[in-house]
Amino acid sequence: MLRISKLTDYATVILATLAREDGERRAAADIARQCQLAPPTVSKLLKQLHRAGLVDSTRGFKGGYRL
């Protein structure tokens, strides 16, 4: 049996949520609300996913994260 950590499971949920958005940018707070996860955890995971090249991030008024 394959065991994954909670953070890996949360990251998978975040990626699935972003996949449903059809390329639209979403703020970390919106993603946290949709996934029903704590905002600090979502921010931490989004930073790691960005460093890994799995999500694109843009800062500013119309910024956010997308696949």
N, C-alpha and C. Protein backbone atom coordinates (compact mmCIF):
# COMPACT_ATOMS: atom_id res chain seq x y z
N MET A 1 0.84 -1.17 0.00
CA MET A 1 0.00 0.00 0.00
C MET A 1 0.89 1.25 0.00
N LEU A 2 0.50 2.22 -0.78
CA LEU A 2 1.23 3.48 -0.88
C LEU A 2 0.71 4.44 0.18
N ARG A 3 1.64 5.01 0.96
CA ARG A 3 1.26 5.98 1.98
C ARG A 3 1.72 7.36 1.56
N ILE A 4 0.83 8.33 1.67
CA ILE A 4 1.21 9.71 1.37
C ILE A 4 0.93 10.57 2.60
N SER A 5 1.66 11.65 2.73
CA SER A 5 1.47 12.53 3.88
C SER A 5 0.23 13.39 3.69
N LYS A 6 -0.18 14.02 4.76
CA LYS A 6 -1.33 14.92 4.69
C LYS A 6 -1.06 16.07 3.74
N LEU A 7 0.17 16.62 3.79
CA LEU A 7 0.48 17.75 2.92
C LEU A 7 0.45 17.35 1.45
N THR A 8 0.88 16.13 1.15
CA THR A 8 0.82 15.65 -0.23
C THR A 8 -0.63 15.50 -0.67
N ASP A 9 -1.45 15.01 0.22
CA ASP A 9 -2.88 14.89 -0.08
C ASP A 9 -3.50 16.27 -0.30
N TYR A 10 -3.17 17.23 0.55
CA TYR A 10 -3.68 18.59 0.40
C TYR A 10 -3.21 19.21 -0.92
N ALA A 11 -1.96 18.98 -1.28
CA ALA A 11 -1.43 19.52 -2.53
C ALA A 11 -2.19 18.94 -3.73
N THR A 12 -2.53 17.68 -3.66
CA THR A 12 -3.30 17.04 -4.73
C THR A 12 -4.69 17.68 -4.83
N VAL A 13 -5.30 17.97 -3.71
CA VAL A 13 -6.62 18.61 -3.70
C VAL A 13 -6.52 20.01 -4.29
N ILE A 14 -5.47 20.74 -3.95
CA ILE A 14 -5.26 22.09 -4.49
C ILE A 14 -5.08 22.03 -6.00
N LEU A 15 -4.27 21.11 -6.48
CA LEU A 15 -4.04 20.99 -7.92
C LEU A 15 -5.33 20.61 -8.65
N ALA A 16 -6.12 19.74 -8.06
CA ALA A 16 -7.40 19.36 -8.69
C ALA A 16 -8.35 20.56 -8.74
N THR A 17 -8.34 21.37 -7.70
CA THR A 17 -9.18 22.57 -7.67
C THR A 17 -8.76 23.55 -8.75
N LEU A 18 -7.45 23.74 -8.90
CA LEU A 18 -6.96 24.65 -9.94
C LEU A 18 -7.24 24.10 -11.34
N ALA A 19 -7.24 22.80 -11.50
CA ALA A 19 -7.50 22.19 -12.81
C ALA A 19 -8.92 22.47 -13.27
N ARG A 20 -9.84 22.61 -12.33
CA ARG A 20 -11.24 22.89 -12.70
C ARG A 20 -11.46 24.34 -13.11
N GLU A 21 -10.50 25.20 -12.90
CA GLU A 21 -10.68 26.64 -13.14
C GLU A 21 -10.39 27.06 -14.58
N ASP A 22 -9.99 26.17 -15.45
CA ASP A 22 -9.74 26.47 -16.86
C ASP A 22 -8.76 27.62 -17.07
N GLY A 23 -7.68 27.64 -16.31
CA GLY A 23 -6.64 28.64 -16.51
C GLY A 23 -6.87 29.97 -15.85
N GLU A 24 -7.97 30.13 -15.12
CA GLU A 24 -8.22 31.39 -14.41
C GLU A 24 -7.33 31.47 -13.18
N ARG A 25 -6.89 32.67 -12.86
CA ARG A 25 -6.07 32.86 -11.67
C ARG A 25 -6.96 32.92 -10.44
N ARG A 26 -6.50 32.30 -9.37
CA ARG A 26 -7.23 32.29 -8.11
C ARG A 26 -6.31 32.70 -6.98
N ALA A 27 -6.82 33.51 -6.08
CA ALA A 27 -6.06 33.91 -4.90
C ALA A 27 -5.95 32.72 -3.94
N ALA A 28 -4.91 32.72 -3.14
CA ALA A 28 -4.69 31.64 -2.19
C ALA A 28 -5.87 31.52 -1.22
N ALA A 29 -6.43 32.66 -0.82
CA ALA A 29 -7.57 32.64 0.11
C ALA A 29 -8.79 31.97 -0.53
N ASP A 30 -9.02 32.22 -1.82
CA ASP A 30 -10.14 31.58 -2.53
C ASP A 30 -9.94 30.08 -2.62
N ILE A 31 -8.70 29.68 -2.91
CA ILE A 31 -8.39 28.25 -3.02
C ILE A 31 -8.59 27.58 -1.66
N ALA A 32 -8.14 28.24 -0.60
CA ALA A 32 -8.30 27.69 0.75
C ALA A 32 -9.78 27.51 1.09
N ARG A 33 -10.58 28.51 0.73
CA ARG A 33 -12.02 28.43 1.00
C ARG A 33 -12.66 27.29 0.23
N GLN A 34 -12.30 27.15 -1.05
CA GLN A 34 -12.88 26.08 -1.87
C GLN A 34 -12.47 24.70 -1.37
N CYS A 35 -11.23 24.56 -0.95
CA CYS A 35 -10.71 23.26 -0.50
C CYS A 35 -11.01 22.99 0.96
N GLN A 36 -11.50 23.99 1.67
CA GLN A 36 -11.79 23.90 3.10
C GLN A 36 -10.53 23.52 3.88
N LEU A 37 -9.44 24.22 3.56
CA LEU A 37 -8.16 24.03 4.25
C LEU A 37 -7.75 25.36 4.87
N ALA A 38 -6.84 25.30 5.81
CA ALA A 38 -6.35 26.51 6.47
C ALA A 38 -5.54 27.35 5.49
N PRO A 39 -5.78 28.66 5.42
CA PRO A 39 -5.05 29.52 4.49
C PRO A 39 -3.53 29.46 4.61
N PRO A 40 -2.95 29.39 5.82
CA PRO A 40 -1.47 29.29 5.88
C PRO A 40 -0.94 28.01 5.23
N THR A 41 -1.67 26.93 5.39
CA THR A 41 -1.26 25.65 4.79
C THR A 41 -1.32 25.74 3.27
N VAL A 42 -2.37 26.34 2.75
CA VAL A 42 -2.53 26.48 1.31
C VAL A 42 -1.43 27.37 0.74
N SER A 43 -1.13 28.47 1.41
CA SER A 43 -0.06 29.36 0.95
C SER A 43 1.28 28.65 0.91
N LYS A 44 1.56 27.90 1.96
CA LYS A 44 2.81 27.14 2.04
C LYS A 44 2.92 26.15 0.89
N LEU A 45 1.85 25.43 0.63
CA LEU A 45 1.86 24.43 -0.44
C LEU A 45 1.94 25.07 -1.82
N LEU A 46 1.24 26.19 -2.01
CA LEU A 46 1.29 26.88 -3.30
C LEU A 46 2.71 27.38 -3.60
N LYS A 47 3.42 27.84 -2.58
CA LYS A 47 4.81 28.26 -2.78
C LYS A 47 5.67 27.08 -3.21
N GLN A 48 5.48 25.94 -2.57
CA GLN A 48 6.25 24.75 -2.93
C GLN A 48 5.89 24.27 -4.34
N LEU A 49 4.61 24.32 -4.69
CA LEU A 49 4.18 23.90 -6.02
C LEU A 49 4.72 24.85 -7.09
N HIS A 50 4.82 26.13 -6.75
CA HIS A 50 5.38 27.11 -7.69
C HIS A 50 6.88 26.83 -7.91
N ARG A 51 7.61 26.59 -6.82
CA ARG A 51 9.03 26.28 -6.95
C ARG A 51 9.27 25.02 -7.77
N ALA A 52 8.34 24.06 -7.68
CA ALA A 52 8.45 22.82 -8.44
C ALA A 52 8.02 22.99 -9.90
N GLY A 53 7.45 24.15 -10.24
CA GLY A 53 7.03 24.41 -11.61
C GLY A 53 5.66 23.86 -11.96
N LEU A 54 4.87 23.50 -10.96
CA LEU A 54 3.55 22.92 -11.22
C LEU A 54 2.45 23.97 -11.32
N VAL A 55 2.65 25.11 -10.69
CA VAL A 55 1.69 26.20 -10.79
C VAL A 55 2.41 27.49 -11.17
N ASP A 56 1.67 28.39 -11.79
CA ASP A 56 2.18 29.70 -12.17
C ASP A 56 1.60 30.72 -11.20
N SER A 57 2.41 31.66 -10.75
CA SER A 57 1.90 32.68 -9.84
C SER A 57 2.18 34.06 -10.40
N THR A 58 1.25 34.97 -10.14
CA THR A 58 1.37 36.35 -10.55
C THR A 58 0.99 37.22 -9.36
N ARG A 59 1.79 38.23 -9.10
CA ARG A 59 1.51 39.15 -8.01
C ARG A 59 0.67 40.31 -8.51
N GLY A 60 -0.01 40.98 -7.60
CA GLY A 60 -0.73 42.18 -7.95
C GLY A 60 -2.23 42.04 -7.86
N PHE A 61 -2.90 43.08 -8.35
CA PHE A 61 -4.35 43.19 -8.24
C PHE A 61 -5.07 42.00 -8.89
N LYS A 62 -4.70 41.64 -10.09
CA LYS A 62 -5.33 40.51 -10.77
C LYS A 62 -4.45 39.28 -10.74
N GLY A 63 -3.64 39.18 -9.72
CA GLY A 63 -2.72 38.06 -9.58
C GLY A 63 -3.39 36.85 -8.97
N GLY A 64 -2.57 35.84 -8.78
CA GLY A 64 -3.07 34.62 -8.18
C GLY A 64 -2.29 33.43 -8.71
N TYR A 65 -2.86 32.27 -8.57
CA TYR A 65 -2.23 31.03 -8.98
C TYR A 65 -3.08 30.33 -10.03
N ARG A 66 -2.40 29.64 -10.94
CA ARG A 66 -3.07 28.81 -11.94
C ARG A 66 -2.12 27.71 -12.37
N LEU A 67 -2.68 26.69 -12.99
CA LEU A 67 -1.83 25.60 -13.48
C LEU A 67 -1.00 26.05 -14.65
